[in-house]
Amino acid sequence: MKIRGIHHVAIICSDYERSKKFYTELLGLEIVQEVYRQERDSYKLDLRVGGVYQIELFSFPDPKKRPTRPEAAGLRHLAFSVDDVVQAVQYIQSAGIETEEIRRDPYTTKRFVFFQDPDGLPIELYEK
């Protein structure tokens, strides 16, 4: 077996319209396809990240909450690369989203910051 890359990351949200707005309008991800699956009472929104990667945003009736964070077993956080973390933080905060303090990776010396999506999923912005 030879893994060639990451195909997609799947996220289940509790409020589809709020999360759709967050990922498309605030973060600027491109909509590839949106499908309503009547048999599941669920939306599936395919989003393109940087022309290469894909995020699948799902809605389901009454999804279970994440047990704890950030050290719960499973996906720890979703990280996006940006050119300038300071500029990205100013943009995120201007939209009323709180961020943690900007930190510096002790091994790469690159700056990074964490904030949360509407469901509390930890998102990291990591400077290229």
Foldseek 3Di string as FASTA:
>chain_A
DDDDDAAEAEDEDADVVQLVCCCCVLVNWAWPDWDQDVVQRKIWTWTDDPNHYIYIYMYGHPDDADPDDQPDPDDNAAEDEDADAVVSQVSCVVVVWDKDDWDADPVPRWIKIWTAGPRRGIYMYTHD
